[in-house]
Structures are given as C-alpha cells and as structure tokens.
C-alpha cells in the first residue's frame, strides 16, 4: 500500500515531504530499507550529487543501479522500477 501511494504521489507530483537523507542512510546501513526505500535513497543521492562524494560504496552502488536500469543518470527512477511488487 505504501509503495503504490508513493508512486501515485510521485507521478502526480504531489509528494512534498522533505526527504531526510541522513536518517535514510542510517536505515540503509542498518538494513532497514526495502527495495523501494533503497531506490528512493539512491535516487536522492544521485540527484543531489551526494552519491559521488560519499564513501565509494555509494557511488559504485548508484552507478550499478543506473547501469542496470533501476535509475536514470539524473537520479529519476528507471523503467525497471515498475517491476517491483507493490506490497
């Protein structure tokens, strides 16, 4: 449910909650993010350029997500995001 609502808000441009990168990085490091949460984090890191300035893992992971079609080079979601389950 949360993913589908987020997708609808993203598509309609109504998602306005400020994204908390610091806490999402902590969640990522602790293994608390699901696939969509991880993609959203890396999307934000690429869009802000932080993916390329944090420790190497973040840049390598961001580049792999871009290369594999999960993210676009500008940080927007790639076509593969539609294949994620909505539950």
PDB file of N, CA and C in Angstrom:
ATOM      1  N   UNK A   1       0.828  -1.195   0.000  1.00  0.00           N
ATOM      2  CA  UNK A   1       0.000   0.000   0.000  1.00  0.00           C
ATOM      3  C   UNK A   1       0.868   1.253   0.000  1.00  0.00           C
ATOM      4  N   UNK A   2       1.868   1.300   0.864  1.00  0.00           N
ATOM      5  CA  UNK A   2       2.725   2.480   0.952  1.00  0.00           C
ATOM      6  C   UNK A   2       3.424   2.755  -0.367  1.00  0.00           C
ATOM      7  N   UNK A   3       3.910   1.690  -1.039  1.00  0.00           N
ATOM      8  CA  UNK A   3       4.615   1.879  -2.308  1.00  0.00           C
ATOM      9  C   UNK A   3       3.692   2.444  -3.373  1.00  0.00           C
ATOM     10  N   UNK A   4       2.477   1.887  -3.482  1.00  0.00           N
ATOM     11  CA  UNK A   4       1.564   2.347  -4.522  1.00  0.00           C
ATOM     12  C   UNK A   4       1.152   3.794  -4.272  1.00  0.00           C
ATOM     13  N   UNK A   5       0.910   4.173  -3.026  1.00  0.00           N
ATOM     14  CA  UNK A   5       0.574   5.554  -2.719  1.00  0.00           C
ATOM     15  C   UNK A   5       1.740   6.468  -3.068  1.00  0.00           C
ATOM     16  N   UNK A   6       2.945   6.049  -2.721  1.00  0.00           N
ATOM     17  CA  UNK A   6       4.127   6.839  -3.036  1.00  0.00           C
ATOM     18  C   UNK A   6       4.268   7.009  -4.552  1.00  0.00           C
ATOM     19  N   UNK A   7       4.069   5.924  -5.314  1.00  0.00           N
ATOM     20  CA  UNK A   7       4.159   6.004  -6.779  1.00  0.00           C
ATOM     21  C   UNK A   7       3.130   6.958  -7.339  1.00  0.00           C
ATOM     22  N   UNK A   8       1.896   6.884  -6.839  1.00  0.00           N
ATOM     23  CA  UNK A   8       0.845   7.780  -7.314  1.00  0.00           C
ATOM     24  C   UNK A   8       1.224   9.221  -7.008  1.00  0.00           C
ATOM     25  N   UNK A   9       1.704   9.476  -5.786  1.00  0.00           N
ATOM     26  CA  UNK A   9       2.099  10.829  -5.415  1.00  0.00           C
ATOM     27  C   UNK A   9       3.266  11.303  -6.266  1.00  0.00           C
ATOM     28  N   UNK A  10       4.209  10.414  -6.549  1.00  0.00           N
ATOM     29  CA  UNK A  10       5.369  10.782  -7.351  1.00  0.00           C
ATOM     30  C   UNK A  10       4.943  11.132  -8.766  1.00  0.00           C
ATOM     31  N   UNK A  11       4.086  10.288  -9.352  1.00  0.00           N
ATOM     32  CA  UNK A  11       3.624  10.504 -10.722  1.00  0.00           C
ATOM     33  C   UNK A  11       2.823  11.798 -10.815  1.00  0.00           C
ATOM     34  N   UNK A  12       1.971  12.048  -9.837  1.00  0.00           N
ATOM     35  CA  UNK A  12       1.117  13.232  -9.871  1.00  0.00           C
ATOM     36  C   UNK A  12       1.852  14.481  -9.397  1.00  0.00           C
ATOM     37  N   UNK A  13       3.035  14.304  -8.855  1.00  0.00           N
ATOM     38  CA  UNK A  13       3.801  15.454  -8.387  1.00  0.00           C
ATOM     39  C   UNK A  13       3.283  16.041  -7.095  1.00  0.00           C
ATOM     40  N   UNK A  14       2.577  15.235  -6.285  1.00  0.00           N
ATOM     41  CA  UNK A  14       2.005  15.750  -5.046  1.00  0.00           C
ATOM     42  C   UNK A  14       2.818  15.364  -3.824  1.00  0.00           C
ATOM     43  N   UNK A  15       3.919  14.656  -4.009  1.00  0.00           N
ATOM     44  CA  UNK A  15       4.738  14.240  -2.875  1.00  0.00           C
ATOM     45  C   UNK A  15       5.585  15.429  -2.445  1.00  0.00           C
ATOM     46  N   UNK A  16       5.345  15.938  -1.244  1.00  0.00           N
ATOM     47  CA  UNK A  16       6.023  17.159  -0.824  1.00  0.00           C
ATOM     48  C   UNK A  16       6.826  17.009   0.467  1.00  0.00           C
ATOM     49  N   UNK A  17       6.768  15.841   1.112  1.00  0.00           N
ATOM     50  CA  UNK A  17       7.507  15.649   2.352  1.00  0.00           C
ATOM     51  C   UNK A  17       9.003  15.740   2.075  1.00  0.00           C
ATOM     52  N   UNK A  18       9.691  16.572   2.844  1.00  0.00           N
ATOM     53  CA  UNK A  18      11.135  16.711   2.663  1.00  0.00           C
ATOM     54  C   UNK A  18      11.815  15.388   2.992  1.00  0.00           C
ATOM     55  N   UNK A  19      12.674  14.940   2.116  1.00  0.00           N
ATOM     56  CA  UNK A  19      13.350  13.658   2.277  1.00  0.00           C
ATOM     57  C   UNK A  19      14.518  13.806   3.242  1.00  0.00           C
ATOM     58  N   UNK A  20      14.579  12.968   4.245  1.00  0.00           N
ATOM     59  CA  UNK A  20      15.607  13.002   5.280  1.00  0.00           C
ATOM     60  C   UNK A  20      16.738  12.037   4.903  1.00  0.00           C
ATOM     61  N   UNK A  21      17.716  12.541   4.164  1.00  0.00           N
ATOM     62  CA  UNK A  21      18.802  11.703   3.665  1.00  0.00           C
ATOM     63  C   UNK A  21      19.608  11.078   4.791  1.00  0.00           C
ATOM     64  N   UNK A  22      19.916  11.840   5.807  1.00  0.00           N
ATOM     65  CA  UNK A  22      20.754  11.326   6.894  1.00  0.00           C
ATOM     66  C   UNK A  22      20.128  10.108   7.560  1.00  0.00           C
ATOM     67  N   UNK A  23      18.867  10.206   7.939  1.00  0.00           N
ATOM     68  CA  UNK A  23      18.218   9.071   8.586  1.00  0.00           C
ATOM     69  C   UNK A  23      18.001   7.911   7.633  1.00  0.00           C
ATOM     70  N   UNK A  24      17.791   8.196   6.356  1.00  0.00           N
ATOM     71  CA  UNK A  24      17.643   7.100   5.386  1.00  0.00           C
ATOM     72  C   UNK A  24      18.977   6.381   5.165  1.00  0.00           C
ATOM     73  N   UNK A  25      20.090   7.099   5.213  1.00  0.00           N
ATOM     74  CA  UNK A  25      21.399   6.452   5.113  1.00  0.00           C
ATOM     75  C   UNK A  25      21.604   5.544   6.317  1.00  0.00           C
ATOM     76  N   UNK A  26      21.235   6.015   7.492  1.00  0.00           N
ATOM     77  CA  UNK A  26      21.345   5.180   8.691  1.00  0.00           C
ATOM     78  C   UNK A  26      20.474   3.941   8.544  1.00  0.00           C
ATOM     79  N   UNK A  27      19.236   4.120   8.079  1.00  0.00           N
ATOM     80  CA  UNK A  27      18.347   2.974   7.846  1.00  0.00           C
ATOM     81  C   UNK A  27      18.965   2.000   6.847  1.00  0.00           C
ATOM     82  N   UNK A  28      19.550   2.526   5.776  1.00  0.00           N
ATOM     83  CA  UNK A  28      20.190   1.694   4.755  1.00  0.00           C
ATOM     84  C   UNK A  28      21.348   0.911   5.360  1.00  0.00           C
ATOM     85  N   UNK A  29      22.184   1.594   6.110  1.00  0.00           N
ATOM     86  CA  UNK A  29      23.352   0.951   6.727  1.00  0.00           C
ATOM     87  C   UNK A  29      22.927  -0.156   7.702  1.00  0.00           C
ATOM     88  N   UNK A  30      21.765   0.008   8.325  1.00  0.00           N
ATOM     89  CA  UNK A  30      21.283  -0.991   9.285  1.00  0.00           C
ATOM     90  C   UNK A  30      20.438  -2.079   8.627  1.00  0.00           C
ATOM     91  N   UNK A  31      20.232  -1.974   7.315  1.00  0.00           N
ATOM     92  CA  UNK A  31      19.451  -2.976   6.603  1.00  0.00           C
ATOM     93  C   UNK A  31      17.953  -2.841   6.784  1.00  0.00           C
ATOM     94  N   UNK A  32      17.470  -1.649   7.110  1.00  0.00           N
ATOM     95  CA  UNK A  32      16.057  -1.438   7.378  1.00  0.00           C
ATOM     96  C   UNK A  32      15.244  -0.971   6.176  1.00  0.00           C
ATOM     97  N   UNK A  33      15.870  -0.732   5.040  1.00  0.00           N
ATOM     98  CA  UNK A  33      15.130  -0.260   3.871  1.00  0.00           C
ATOM     99  C   UNK A  33      14.741  -1.423   2.977  1.00  0.00           C
ATOM    100  N   UNK A  34      13.525  -1.376   2.457  1.00  0.00           N
ATOM    101  CA  UNK A  34      13.116  -2.355   1.455  1.00  0.00           C
ATOM    102  C   UNK A  34      13.653  -1.900   0.096  1.00  0.00           C
ATOM    103  N   UNK A  35      13.325  -2.631  -0.958  1.00  0.00           N
ATOM    104  CA  UNK A  35      13.859  -2.297  -2.289  1.00  0.00           C
ATOM    105  C   UNK A  35      13.482  -0.888  -2.726  1.00  0.00           C
ATOM    106  N   UNK A  36      12.213  -0.525  -2.542  1.00  0.00           N
ATOM    107  CA  UNK A  36      11.775   0.801  -2.965  1.00  0.00           C
ATOM    108  C   UNK A  36      12.435   1.885  -2.127  1.00  0.00           C
ATOM    109  N   UNK A  37      12.597   1.651  -0.836  1.00  0.00           N
ATOM    110  CA  UNK A  37      13.276   2.616   0.016  1.00  0.00           C
ATOM    111  C   UNK A  37      14.726   2.815  -0.384  1.00  0.00           C
ATOM    112  N   UNK A  38      15.374   1.725  -0.754  1.00  0.00           N
ATOM    113  CA  UNK A  38      16.768   1.798  -1.208  1.00  0.00           C
ATOM    114  C   UNK A  38      16.867   2.573  -2.516  1.00  0.00           C
ATOM    115  N   UNK A  39      15.952   2.303  -3.441  1.00  0.00           N
ATOM    116  CA  UNK A  39      15.953   3.043  -4.709  1.00  0.00           C
ATOM    117  C   UNK A  39      15.680   4.522  -4.483  1.00  0.00           C
ATOM    118  N   UNK A  40      14.771   4.834  -3.597  1.00  0.00           N
ATOM    119  CA  UNK A  40      14.473   6.236  -3.302  1.00  0.00           C
ATOM    120  C   UNK A  40      15.695   6.932  -2.707  1.00  0.00           C
ATOM    121  N   UNK A  41      16.397   6.248  -1.797  1.00  0.00           N
ATOM    122  CA  UNK A  41      17.606   6.815  -1.219  1.00  0.00           C
ATOM    123  C   UNK A  41      18.638   7.100  -2.304  1.00  0.00           C
ATOM    124  N   UNK A  42      18.915   6.103  -3.136  1.00  0.00           N
ATOM    125  CA  UNK A  42      19.938   6.303  -4.157  1.00  0.00           C
ATOM    126  C   UNK A  42      19.504   7.296  -5.226  1.00  0.00           C
ATOM    127  N   UNK A  43      18.216   7.370  -5.488  1.00  0.00           N
ATOM    128  CA  UNK A  43      17.703   8.396  -6.391  1.00  0.00           C
ATOM    129  C   UNK A  43      18.045   9.781  -5.850  1.00  0.00           C
ATOM    130  N   UNK A  44      17.777   9.979  -4.580  1.00  0.00           N
ATOM    131  CA  UNK A  44      18.070  11.270  -3.940  1.00  0.00           C
ATOM    132  C   UNK A  44      19.576  11.541  -3.920  1.00  0.00           C
ATOM    133  N   UNK A  45      20.367  10.517  -3.638  1.00  0.00           N
ATOM    134  CA  UNK A  45      21.826  10.703  -3.605  1.00  0.00           C
ATOM    135  C   UNK A  45      22.374  11.084  -4.973  1.00  0.00           C
ATOM    136  N   UNK A  46      21.835  10.490  -6.026  1.00  0.00           N
ATOM    137  CA  UNK A  46      22.288  10.842  -7.383  1.00  0.00           C
ATOM    138  C   UNK A  46      21.816  12.247  -7.738  1.00  0.00           C
ATOM    139  N   UNK A  47      20.552  12.557  -7.471  1.00  0.00           N
ATOM    140  CA  UNK A  47      20.013  13.884  -7.806  1.00  0.00           C
ATOM    141  C   UNK A  47      20.789  15.006  -7.129  1.00  0.00           C
ATOM    142  N   UNK A  48      21.210  14.784  -5.891  1.00  0.00           N
ATOM    143  CA  UNK A  48      21.925  15.832  -5.154  1.00  0.00           C
ATOM    144  C   UNK A  48      23.437  15.795  -5.383  1.00  0.00           C
ATOM    145  N   UNK A  49      23.923  14.728  -6.029  1.00  0.00           N
ATOM    146  CA  UNK A  49      25.357  14.582  -6.248  1.00  0.00           C
ATOM    147  C   UNK A  49      26.085  13.932  -5.083  1.00  0.00           C
ATOM    148  N   UNK A  50      25.352  13.647  -4.012  1.00  0.00           N
ATOM    149  CA  UNK A  50      25.990  13.059  -2.832  1.00  0.00           C
ATOM    150  C   UNK A  50      26.524  11.653  -3.102  1.00  0.00           C
ATOM    151  N   UNK A  51      25.925  10.941  -4.044  1.00  0.00           N
ATOM    152  CA  UNK A  51      26.375   9.574  -4.335  1.00  0.00           C
ATOM    153  C   UNK A  51      27.849   9.563  -4.730  1.00  0.00           C
ATOM    154  N   UNK A  52      28.297  10.649  -5.330  1.00  0.00           N
ATOM    155  CA  UNK A  52      29.659  10.697  -5.854  1.00  0.00           C
ATOM    156  C   UNK A  52      30.647  11.283  -4.846  1.00  0.00           C
ATOM    157  N   UNK A  53      30.149  11.743  -3.690  1.00  0.00           N
ATOM    158  CA  UNK A  53      31.053  12.337  -2.697  1.00  0.00           C
ATOM    159  C   UNK A  53      31.116  11.540  -1.391  1.00  0.00           C
ATOM    160  N   UNK A  54      30.159  10.641  -1.179  1.00  0.00           N
ATOM    161  CA  UNK A  54      30.197   9.776  -0.001  1.00  0.00           C
ATOM    162  C   UNK A  54      31.230   8.670  -0.217  1.00  0.00           C
ATOM    163  N   UNK A  55      31.386   7.788   0.756  1.00  0.00           N
ATOM    164  CA  UNK A  55      32.331   6.682   0.594  1.00  0.00           C
ATOM    165  C   UNK A  55      32.020   5.909  -0.687  1.00  0.00           C
ATOM    166  N   UNK A  56      33.022   5.247  -1.211  1.00  0.00           N
ATOM    167  CA  UNK A  56      32.952   4.609  -2.521  1.00  0.00           C
ATOM    168  C   UNK A  56      31.780   3.682  -2.750  1.00  0.00           C
ATOM    169  N   UNK A  57      31.327   2.983  -1.718  1.00  0.00           N
ATOM    170  CA  UNK A  57      30.204   2.060  -1.866  1.00  0.00           C
ATOM    171  C   UNK A  57      28.983   2.752  -2.470  1.00  0.00           C
ATOM    172  N   UNK A  58      28.709   3.971  -2.041  1.00  0.00           N
ATOM    173  CA  UNK A  58      27.521   4.680  -2.508  1.00  0.00           C
ATOM    174  C   UNK A  58      27.625   5.018  -3.992  1.00  0.00           C
ATOM    175  N   UNK A  59      28.768   5.477  -4.415  1.00  0.00           N
ATOM    176  CA  UNK A  59      28.952   5.780  -5.833  1.00  0.00           C
ATOM    177  C   UNK A  59      28.904   4.534  -6.701  1.00  0.00           C
ATOM    178  N   UNK A  60      29.544   3.461  -6.237  1.00  0.00           N
ATOM    179  CA  UNK A  60      29.515   2.204  -7.006  1.00  0.00           C
ATOM    180  C   UNK A  60      28.111   1.631  -7.080  1.00  0.00           C
ATOM    181  N   UNK A  61      27.381   1.699  -5.969  1.00  0.00           N
ATOM    182  CA  UNK A  61      26.012   1.179  -5.965  1.00  0.00           C
ATOM    183  C   UNK A  61      25.115   2.041  -6.849  1.00  0.00           C
ATOM    184  N   UNK A  62      25.250   3.345  -6.755  1.00  0.00           N
ATOM    185  CA  UNK A  62      24.462   4.242  -7.603  1.00  0.00           C
ATOM    186  C   UNK A  62      24.744   3.962  -9.078  1.00  0.00           C
ATOM    187  N   UNK A  63      26.005   3.800  -9.425  1.00  0.00           N
ATOM    188  CA  UNK A  63      26.353   3.535 -10.825  1.00  0.00           C
ATOM    189  C   UNK A  63      25.796   2.192 -11.284  1.00  0.00           C
ATOM    190  N   UNK A  64      25.829   1.189 -10.413  1.00  0.00           N
ATOM    191  CA  UNK A  64      25.265  -0.120 -10.758  1.00  0.00           C
ATOM    192  C   UNK A  64      23.754  -0.015 -10.974  1.00  0.00           C
ATOM    193  N   UNK A  65      23.065   0.755 -10.133  1.00  0.00           N
ATOM    194  CA  UNK A  65      21.622   0.936 -10.296  1.00  0.00           C
ATOM    195  C   UNK A  65      21.302   1.662 -11.604  1.00  0.00           C
ATOM    196  N   UNK A  66      22.146   2.591 -11.992  1.00  0.00           N
ATOM    197  CA  UNK A  66      21.985   3.291 -13.273  1.00  0.00           C
ATOM    198  C   UNK A  66      22.248   2.328 -14.422  1.00  0.00           C
ATOM    199  N   UNK A  67      23.358   1.609 -14.344  1.00  0.00           N
ATOM    200  CA  UNK A  67      23.718   0.673 -15.419  1.00  0.00           C
ATOM    201  C   UNK A  67      22.666  -0.412 -15.622  1.00  0.00           C
ATOM    202  N   UNK A  68      22.036  -0.833 -14.525  1.00  0.00           N
ATOM    203  CA  UNK A  68      21.042  -1.912 -14.594  1.00  0.00           C
ATOM    204  C   UNK A  68      19.635  -1.416 -14.906  1.00  0.00           C
ATOM    205  N   UNK A  69      19.447  -0.117 -15.046  1.00  0.00           N
ATOM    206  CA  UNK A  69      18.150   0.424 -15.442  1.00  0.00           C
ATOM    207  C   UNK A  69      17.187   0.740 -14.308  1.00  0.00           C
ATOM    208  N   UNK A  70      17.634   0.634 -13.059  1.00  0.00           N
ATOM    209  CA  UNK A  70      16.771   0.971 -11.927  1.00  0.00           C
ATOM    210  C   UNK A  70      16.661   2.475 -11.761  1.00  0.00           C
ATOM    211  N   UNK A  71      17.739   3.194 -12.067  1.00  0.00           N
ATOM    212  CA  UNK A  71      17.757   4.658 -12.003  1.00  0.00           C
ATOM    213  C   UNK A  71      18.263   5.206 -13.323  1.00  0.00           C
ATOM    214  N   UNK A  72      17.846   6.416 -13.641  1.00  0.00           N
ATOM    215  CA  UNK A  72      18.388   7.152 -14.770  1.00  0.00           C
ATOM    216  C   UNK A  72      19.620   7.921 -14.286  1.00  0.00           C
ATOM    217  N   UNK A  73      20.433   8.387 -15.196  1.00  0.00           N
ATOM    218  CA  UNK A  73      21.657   9.100 -14.826  1.00  0.00           C
ATOM    219  C   UNK A  73      21.380  10.378 -14.034  1.00  0.00           C
ATOM    220  N   UNK A  74      20.179  10.951 -14.194  1.00  0.00           N
ATOM    221  CA  UNK A  74      19.828  12.165 -13.449  1.00  0.00           C
ATOM    222  C   UNK A  74      19.208  11.859 -12.091  1.00  0.00           C
ATOM    223  N   UNK A  75      19.080  10.555 -11.759  1.00  0.00           N
ATOM    224  CA  UNK A  75      18.531  10.160 -10.472  1.00  0.00           C
ATOM    225  C   UNK A  75      17.060   9.789 -10.496  1.00  0.00           C
ATOM    226  N   UNK A  76      16.376  10.066 -11.594  1.00  0.00           N
ATOM    227  CA  UNK A  76      14.971   9.656 -11.690  1.00  0.00           C
ATOM    228  C   UNK A  76      14.886   8.143 -11.766  1.00  0.00           C
ATOM    229  N   UNK A  77      13.727   7.608 -11.384  1.00  0.00           N
ATOM    230  CA  UNK A  77      13.538   6.165 -11.436  1.00  0.00           C
ATOM    231  C   UNK A  77      13.591   5.675 -12.875  1.00  0.00           C
ATOM    232  N   UNK A  78      14.247   4.537 -13.061  1.00  0.00           N
ATOM    233  CA  UNK A  78      14.322   3.910 -14.370  1.00  0.00           C
ATOM    234  C   UNK A  78      13.106   3.042 -14.624  1.00  0.00           C
ATOM    235  N   UNK A  79      13.048   2.487 -15.804  1.00  0.00           N
ATOM    236  CA  UNK A  79      11.907   1.687 -16.241  1.00  0.00           C
ATOM    237  C   UNK A  79      11.715   0.428 -15.399  1.00  0.00           C
ATOM    238  N   UNK A  80      12.788  -0.105 -14.833  1.00  0.00           N
ATOM    239  CA  UNK A  80      12.691  -1.341 -14.054  1.00  0.00           C
ATOM    240  C   UNK A  80      11.914  -1.173 -12.759  1.00  0.00           C
ATOM    241  N   UNK A  81      11.750   0.041 -12.264  1.00  0.00           N
ATOM    242  CA  UNK A  81      11.054   0.271 -11.004  1.00  0.00           C
ATOM    243  C   UNK A  81       9.623  -0.273 -11.091  1.00  0.00           C
ATOM    244  N   UNK A  82       9.046  -0.225 -12.268  1.00  0.00           N
ATOM    245  CA  UNK A  82       7.681  -0.732 -12.439  1.00  0.00           C
ATOM    246  C   UNK A  82       7.568  -2.222 -12.224  1.00  0.00           C
ATOM    247  N   UNK A  83       8.684  -2.935 -12.189  1.00  0.00           N
ATOM    248  CA  UNK A  83       8.638  -4.384 -11.992  1.00  0.00           C
ATOM    249  C   UNK A  83       8.637  -4.772 -10.511  1.00  0.00           C
ATOM    250  N   UNK A  84       8.844  -3.805  -9.622  1.00  0.00           N
ATOM    251  CA  UNK A  84       8.833  -4.096  -8.184  1.00  0.00           C
ATOM    252  C   UNK A  84       7.415  -4.394  -7.717  1.00  0.00           C
ATOM    253  N   UNK A  85       7.258  -5.356  -6.822  1.00  0.00           N
ATOM    254  CA  UNK A  85       5.923  -5.628  -6.281  1.00  0.00           C
ATOM    255  C   UNK A  85       5.412  -4.422  -5.468  1.00  0.00           C
ATOM    256  N   UNK A  86       4.128  -4.241  -5.461  1.00  0.00           N
ATOM    257  CA  UNK A  86       3.528  -3.095  -4.765  1.00  0.00           C
ATOM    258  C   UNK A  86       3.218  -3.375  -3.304  1.00  0.00           C
ATOM    259  N   UNK A  87       3.401  -4.586  -2.819  1.00  0.00           N
ATOM    260  CA  UNK A  87       3.015  -4.875  -1.436  1.00  0.00           C
ATOM    261  C   UNK A  87       4.053  -4.500  -0.443  1.00  0.00           C
TER     262      UNK A  87
END
